[in-house]
């Protein structure tokens, strides 16, 4: 009579599938592309810089060709310096206006360089995650920036999860859905 009896009033526990298969695309967090769009608009451009930094860290953890973090640090520093100078200088400061223009130009060049480097690494990560060879559209990347890349990341995460669930169902046909 020392047997442990299950409580008949507890709900049955589901048999969950572990989707953490070591697939590189699953290292990324799924984040709504609409929320990325909203945050890009509300934060005066700070969120895309943060997005690039955080996704560069993830790509560097799963890709053999690392993106230099010095580029992300340069982007963050030029962006913050540019923003701070805009708040401080007046319209009549000729020298500081030239510095502001140069910082703006440097930020844009570093931003797009980092964005397209990240795009190429993401193409490799997506193709190495067992999916079909993915080509991320360069024009869409240019026009929609981090919103487009987040959308493609989300799309690949969903495809990977679906394929893992289907593979599990095929290998375990006796379990109920």
C-alpha atoms as a PDB file:
ATOM      1  CA  UNK A   1       0.000   0.000   0.000  1.00  0.00           C
ATOM      2  CA  UNK A   2       3.060   2.239  -0.291  1.00  0.00           C
ATOM      3  CA  UNK A   3       2.309   2.941  -3.928  1.00  0.00           C
ATOM      4  CA  UNK A   4       1.964   6.583  -4.879  1.00  0.00           C
ATOM      5  CA  UNK A   5      -1.482   7.185  -6.320  1.00  0.00           C
ATOM      6  CA  UNK A   6      -1.895   9.941  -8.894  1.00  0.00           C
ATOM      7  CA  UNK A   7      -4.360  12.647  -8.078  1.00  0.00           C
ATOM      8  CA  UNK A   8      -7.430  11.982 -10.226  1.00  0.00           C
ATOM      9  CA  UNK A   9      -8.318  15.688 -10.165  1.00  0.00           C
ATOM     10  CA  UNK A  10      -5.125  16.869 -11.885  1.00  0.00           C
ATOM     11  CA  UNK A  11      -5.302  17.627 -15.574  1.00  0.00           C
ATOM     12  CA  UNK A  12      -3.299  15.227 -17.746  1.00  0.00           C
ATOM     13  CA  UNK A  13       0.129  16.480 -18.713  1.00  0.00           C
ATOM     14  CA  UNK A  14       0.801  16.879 -22.436  1.00  0.00           C
ATOM     15  CA  UNK A  15       3.667  15.165 -24.190  1.00  0.00           C
ATOM     16  CA  UNK A  16       5.603  18.216 -25.384  1.00  0.00           C
ATOM     17  CA  UNK A  17       8.144  18.160 -28.174  1.00  0.00           C
ATOM     18  CA  UNK A  18      11.546  19.680 -27.471  1.00  0.00           C
ATOM     19  CA  UNK A  19      12.400  21.912 -30.447  1.00  0.00           C
ATOM     20  CA  UNK A  20      15.841  22.921 -29.225  1.00  0.00           C
ATOM     21  CA  UNK A  21      17.667  20.691 -31.678  1.00  0.00           C
ATOM     22  CA  UNK A  22      20.815  22.765 -31.920  1.00  0.00           C
ATOM     23  CA  UNK A  23      19.592  24.308 -35.150  1.00  0.00           C
ATOM     24  CA  UNK A  24      21.313  27.681 -35.634  1.00  0.00           C
ATOM     25  CA  UNK A  25      18.167  29.550 -36.696  1.00  0.00           C
ATOM     26  CA  UNK A  26      16.505  28.631 -33.397  1.00  0.00           C
ATOM     27  CA  UNK A  27      19.141  30.666 -31.536  1.00  0.00           C
ATOM     28  CA  UNK A  28      17.294  33.774 -32.732  1.00  0.00           C
ATOM     29  CA  UNK A  29      14.283  34.972 -30.806  1.00  0.00           C
ATOM     30  CA  UNK A  30      11.033  35.315 -32.672  1.00  0.00           C
ATOM     31  CA  UNK A  31       9.975  38.945 -32.473  1.00  0.00           C
ATOM     32  CA  UNK A  32       7.074  40.496 -34.349  1.00  0.00           C
ATOM     33  CA  UNK A  33       8.115  42.443 -37.441  1.00  0.00           C
ATOM     34  CA  UNK A  34       5.264  44.857 -36.720  1.00  0.00           C
ATOM     35  CA  UNK A  35       6.704  45.506 -33.286  1.00  0.00           C
ATOM     36  CA  UNK A  36      10.117  46.099 -34.874  1.00  0.00           C
ATOM     37  CA  UNK A  37       8.461  48.643 -37.183  1.00  0.00           C
ATOM     38  CA  UNK A  38       6.772  50.354 -34.235  1.00  0.00           C
ATOM     39  CA  UNK A  39       9.962  50.460 -32.178  1.00  0.00           C
ATOM     40  CA  UNK A  40      11.939  51.841 -35.124  1.00  0.00           C
ATOM     41  CA  UNK A  41       9.431  54.674 -35.385  1.00  0.00           C
ATOM     42  CA  UNK A  42       9.046  55.445 -31.693  1.00  0.00           C
ATOM     43  CA  UNK A  43      12.704  55.336 -30.622  1.00  0.00           C
ATOM     44  CA  UNK A  44      13.981  57.888 -33.180  1.00  0.00           C
ATOM     45  CA  UNK A  45      16.195  55.325 -34.864  1.00  0.00           C
ATOM     46  CA  UNK A  46      17.828  53.887 -31.750  1.00  0.00           C
ATOM     47  CA  UNK A  47      16.084  50.512 -32.028  1.00  0.00           C
ATOM     48  CA  UNK A  48      17.510  49.559 -35.456  1.00  0.00           C
ATOM     49  CA  UNK A  49      20.993  50.158 -34.068  1.00  0.00           C
ATOM     50  CA  UNK A  50      20.206  47.966 -31.043  1.00  0.00           C
ATOM     51  CA  UNK A  51      18.635  45.346 -33.325  1.00  0.00           C
ATOM     52  CA  UNK A  52      21.777  45.198 -35.479  1.00  0.00           C
ATOM     53  CA  UNK A  53      23.976  44.895 -32.387  1.00  0.00           C
ATOM     54  CA  UNK A  54      21.925  42.114 -30.779  1.00  0.00           C
ATOM     55  CA  UNK A  55      21.518  40.078 -33.980  1.00  0.00           C
ATOM     56  CA  UNK A  56      25.235  40.460 -34.761  1.00  0.00           C
ATOM     57  CA  UNK A  57      26.001  38.865 -31.390  1.00  0.00           C
ATOM     58  CA  UNK A  58      23.692  35.935 -32.199  1.00  0.00           C
ATOM     59  CA  UNK A  59      25.078  35.489 -35.734  1.00  0.00           C
ATOM     60  CA  UNK A  60      28.635  35.524 -34.365  1.00  0.00           C
ATOM     61  CA  UNK A  61      27.708  32.732 -31.952  1.00  0.00           C
ATOM     62  CA  UNK A  62      26.490  30.431 -34.750  1.00  0.00           C
ATOM     63  CA  UNK A  63      28.518  31.409 -37.825  1.00  0.00           C
ATOM     64  CA  UNK A  64      32.150  30.546 -38.456  1.00  0.00           C
ATOM     65  CA  UNK A  65      32.865  33.877 -40.212  1.00  0.00           C
ATOM     66  CA  UNK A  66      32.442  36.422 -37.436  1.00  0.00           C
ATOM     67  CA  UNK A  67      31.337  39.992 -37.982  1.00  0.00           C
ATOM     68  CA  UNK A  68      33.753  42.340 -36.250  1.00  0.00           C
ATOM     69  CA  UNK A  69      32.116  43.840 -33.189  1.00  0.00           C
ATOM     70  CA  UNK A  70      34.234  46.951 -33.774  1.00  0.00           C
ATOM     71  CA  UNK A  71      31.798  47.881 -36.569  1.00  0.00           C
ATOM     72  CA  UNK A  72      28.846  47.660 -34.201  1.00  0.00           C
ATOM     73  CA  UNK A  73      30.686  49.707 -31.592  1.00  0.00           C
ATOM     74  CA  UNK A  74      31.558  52.293 -34.253  1.00  0.00           C
ATOM     75  CA  UNK A  75      27.912  52.445 -35.323  1.00  0.00           C
ATOM     76  CA  UNK A  76      26.667  52.908 -31.772  1.00  0.00           C
ATOM     77  CA  UNK A  77      29.258  55.579 -30.966  1.00  0.00           C
ATOM     78  CA  UNK A  78      28.743  57.595 -34.168  1.00  0.00           C
ATOM     79  CA  UNK A  79      24.970  57.372 -33.814  1.00  0.00           C
ATOM     80  CA  UNK A  80      24.956  58.524 -30.183  1.00  0.00           C
ATOM     81  CA  UNK A  81      27.502  61.273 -30.844  1.00  0.00           C
ATOM     82  CA  UNK A  82      25.478  62.492 -33.813  1.00  0.00           C
ATOM     83  CA  UNK A  83      22.278  62.515 -31.751  1.00  0.00           C
ATOM     84  CA  UNK A  84      23.933  64.349 -28.850  1.00  0.00           C
ATOM     85  CA  UNK A  85      25.498  66.968 -31.131  1.00  0.00           C
ATOM     86  CA  UNK A  86      22.141  67.628 -32.760  1.00  0.00           C
ATOM     87  CA  UNK A  87      20.733  68.526 -29.364  1.00  0.00           C
ATOM     88  CA  UNK A  88      23.626  70.803 -28.421  1.00  0.00           C
ATOM     89  CA  UNK A  89      24.659  72.826 -31.464  1.00  0.00           C
ATOM     90  CA  UNK A  90      22.896  75.831 -32.923  1.00  0.00           C
ATOM     91  CA  UNK A  91      22.368  76.613 -36.596  1.00  0.00           C
ATOM     92  CA  UNK A  92      25.214  79.164 -36.686  1.00  0.00           C
ATOM     93  CA  UNK A  93      28.016  76.770 -35.666  1.00  0.00           C
ATOM     94  CA  UNK A  94      29.640  76.184 -39.056  1.00  0.00           C
ATOM     95  CA  UNK A  95      32.444  73.890 -37.859  1.00  0.00           C
ATOM     96  CA  UNK A  96      30.152  71.764 -35.677  1.00  0.00           C
ATOM     97  CA  UNK A  97      27.627  71.504 -38.517  1.00  0.00           C
ATOM     98  CA  UNK A  98      30.373  70.072 -40.740  1.00  0.00           C
ATOM     99  CA  UNK A  99      31.245  67.554 -38.014  1.00  0.00           C
ATOM    100  CA  UNK A 100      27.554  66.712 -37.708  1.00  0.00           C
ATOM    101  CA  UNK A 101      27.305  66.071 -41.458  1.00  0.00           C
ATOM    102  CA  UNK A 102      30.434  63.872 -41.388  1.00  0.00           C
ATOM    103  CA  UNK A 103      29.099  61.897 -38.405  1.00  0.00           C
ATOM    104  CA  UNK A 104      25.792  61.443 -40.183  1.00  0.00           C
ATOM    105  CA  UNK A 105      27.523  60.194 -43.307  1.00  0.00           C
ATOM    106  CA  UNK A 106      29.730  57.839 -41.279  1.00  0.00           C
ATOM    107  CA  UNK A 107      26.685  56.460 -39.423  1.00  0.00           C
ATOM    108  CA  UNK A 108      24.820  55.753 -42.647  1.00  0.00           C
ATOM    109  CA  UNK A 109      27.812  54.053 -44.288  1.00  0.00           C
ATOM    110  CA  UNK A 110      28.547  51.893 -41.234  1.00  0.00           C
ATOM    111  CA  UNK A 111      24.838  51.093 -40.776  1.00  0.00           C
ATOM    112  CA  UNK A 112      24.317  49.837 -44.322  1.00  0.00           C
ATOM    113  CA  UNK A 113      27.650  48.030 -44.374  1.00  0.00           C
ATOM    114  CA  UNK A 114      26.759  46.197 -41.177  1.00  0.00           C
ATOM    115  CA  UNK A 115      23.198  45.583 -42.380  1.00  0.00           C
ATOM    116  CA  UNK A 116      24.286  43.909 -45.626  1.00  0.00           C
ATOM    117  CA  UNK A 117      27.060  41.944 -43.906  1.00  0.00           C
ATOM    118  CA  UNK A 118      24.470  40.642 -41.460  1.00  0.00           C
ATOM    119  CA  UNK A 119      22.168  39.840 -44.402  1.00  0.00           C
ATOM    120  CA  UNK A 120      24.817  37.665 -46.039  1.00  0.00           C
ATOM    121  CA  UNK A 121      25.558  35.838 -42.779  1.00  0.00           C
ATOM    122  CA  UNK A 122      21.837  35.278 -42.213  1.00  0.00           C
ATOM    123  CA  UNK A 123      21.569  33.688 -45.665  1.00  0.00           C
ATOM    124  CA  UNK A 124      24.296  31.243 -44.617  1.00  0.00           C
ATOM    125  CA  UNK A 125      22.658  30.520 -41.253  1.00  0.00           C
ATOM    126  CA  UNK A 126      19.281  29.919 -42.896  1.00  0.00           C
ATOM    127  CA  UNK A 127      20.751  27.558 -45.478  1.00  0.00           C
ATOM    128  CA  UNK A 128      22.731  25.709 -42.764  1.00  0.00           C
ATOM    129  CA  UNK A 129      19.616  25.260 -40.634  1.00  0.00           C
ATOM    130  CA  UNK A 130      18.320  22.532 -42.896  1.00  0.00           C
ATOM    131  CA  UNK A 131      16.018  24.738 -44.916  1.00  0.00           C
ATOM    132  CA  UNK A 132      16.190  25.471 -48.578  1.00  0.00           C
ATOM    133  CA  UNK A 133      18.916  27.823 -49.775  1.00  0.00           C
ATOM    134  CA  UNK A 134      17.541  31.206 -48.934  1.00  0.00           C
ATOM    135  CA  UNK A 135      18.237  34.354 -50.846  1.00  0.00           C
ATOM    136  CA  UNK A 136      17.326  37.472 -48.924  1.00  0.00           C
ATOM    137  CA  UNK A 137      16.290  40.216 -51.293  1.00  0.00           C
ATOM    138  CA  UNK A 138      18.803  43.065 -51.393  1.00  0.00           C
ATOM    139  CA  UNK A 139      16.240  45.652 -52.521  1.00  0.00           C
ATOM    140  CA  UNK A 140      13.872  44.686 -49.688  1.00  0.00           C
ATOM    141  CA  UNK A 141      16.810  44.847 -47.267  1.00  0.00           C
ATOM    142  CA  UNK A 142      17.678  48.320 -48.558  1.00  0.00           C
ATOM    143  CA  UNK A 143      14.096  49.578 -48.337  1.00  0.00           C
ATOM    144  CA  UNK A 144      12.852  47.889 -45.171  1.00  0.00           C
ATOM    145  CA  UNK A 145      16.151  47.292 -43.330  1.00  0.00           C
ATOM    146  CA  UNK A 146      15.810  45.429 -40.033  1.00  0.00           C
ATOM    147  CA  UNK A 147      12.051  44.962 -40.424  1.00  0.00           C
ATOM    148  CA  UNK A 148      12.572  42.773 -43.496  1.00  0.00           C
ATOM    149  CA  UNK A 149      15.403  40.791 -41.889  1.00  0.00           C
ATOM    150  CA  UNK A 150      13.317  40.170 -38.751  1.00  0.00           C
ATOM    151  CA  UNK A 151      10.408  39.032 -40.927  1.00  0.00           C
ATOM    152  CA  UNK A 152      12.673  36.531 -42.727  1.00  0.00           C
ATOM    153  CA  UNK A 153      14.115  35.296 -39.412  1.00  0.00           C
ATOM    154  CA  UNK A 154      10.576  34.725 -38.103  1.00  0.00           C
ATOM    155  CA  UNK A 155       9.604  32.939 -41.311  1.00  0.00           C
ATOM    156  CA  UNK A 156      12.582  30.570 -41.053  1.00  0.00           C
ATOM    157  CA  UNK A 157      11.959  29.875 -37.373  1.00  0.00           C
ATOM    158  CA  UNK A 158       8.353  28.906 -38.149  1.00  0.00           C
ATOM    159  CA  UNK A 159       9.404  26.681 -41.066  1.00  0.00           C
ATOM    160  CA  UNK A 160      11.993  24.968 -38.885  1.00  0.00           C
ATOM    161  CA  UNK A 161       9.537  24.365 -36.044  1.00  0.00           C
ATOM    162  CA  UNK A 162       6.953  22.940 -38.427  1.00  0.00           C
ATOM    163  CA  UNK A 163       9.479  20.609 -40.049  1.00  0.00           C
ATOM    164  CA  UNK A 164      10.689  19.379 -36.637  1.00  0.00           C
ATOM    165  CA  UNK A 165       7.136  18.724 -35.464  1.00  0.00           C
ATOM    166  CA  UNK A 166       6.372  16.838 -38.688  1.00  0.00           C
ATOM    167  CA  UNK A 167       9.585  14.815 -38.355  1.00  0.00           C
ATOM    168  CA  UNK A 168       8.638  13.967 -34.770  1.00  0.00           C
ATOM    169  CA  UNK A 169       5.147  12.909 -35.833  1.00  0.00           C
ATOM    170  CA  UNK A 170       6.568  10.656 -38.555  1.00  0.00           C
ATOM    171  CA  UNK A 171       9.013   9.001 -36.162  1.00  0.00           C
ATOM    172  CA  UNK A 172       6.348   8.572 -33.423  1.00  0.00           C
ATOM    173  CA  UNK A 173       3.087   7.747 -35.249  1.00  0.00           C
ATOM    174  CA  UNK A 174       1.494   6.015 -32.248  1.00  0.00           C
ATOM    175  CA  UNK A 175       1.325   9.155 -30.100  1.00  0.00           C
ATOM    176  CA  UNK A 176      -1.862  11.195 -30.239  1.00  0.00           C
ATOM    177  CA  UNK A 177      -1.595  14.696 -31.731  1.00  0.00           C
END
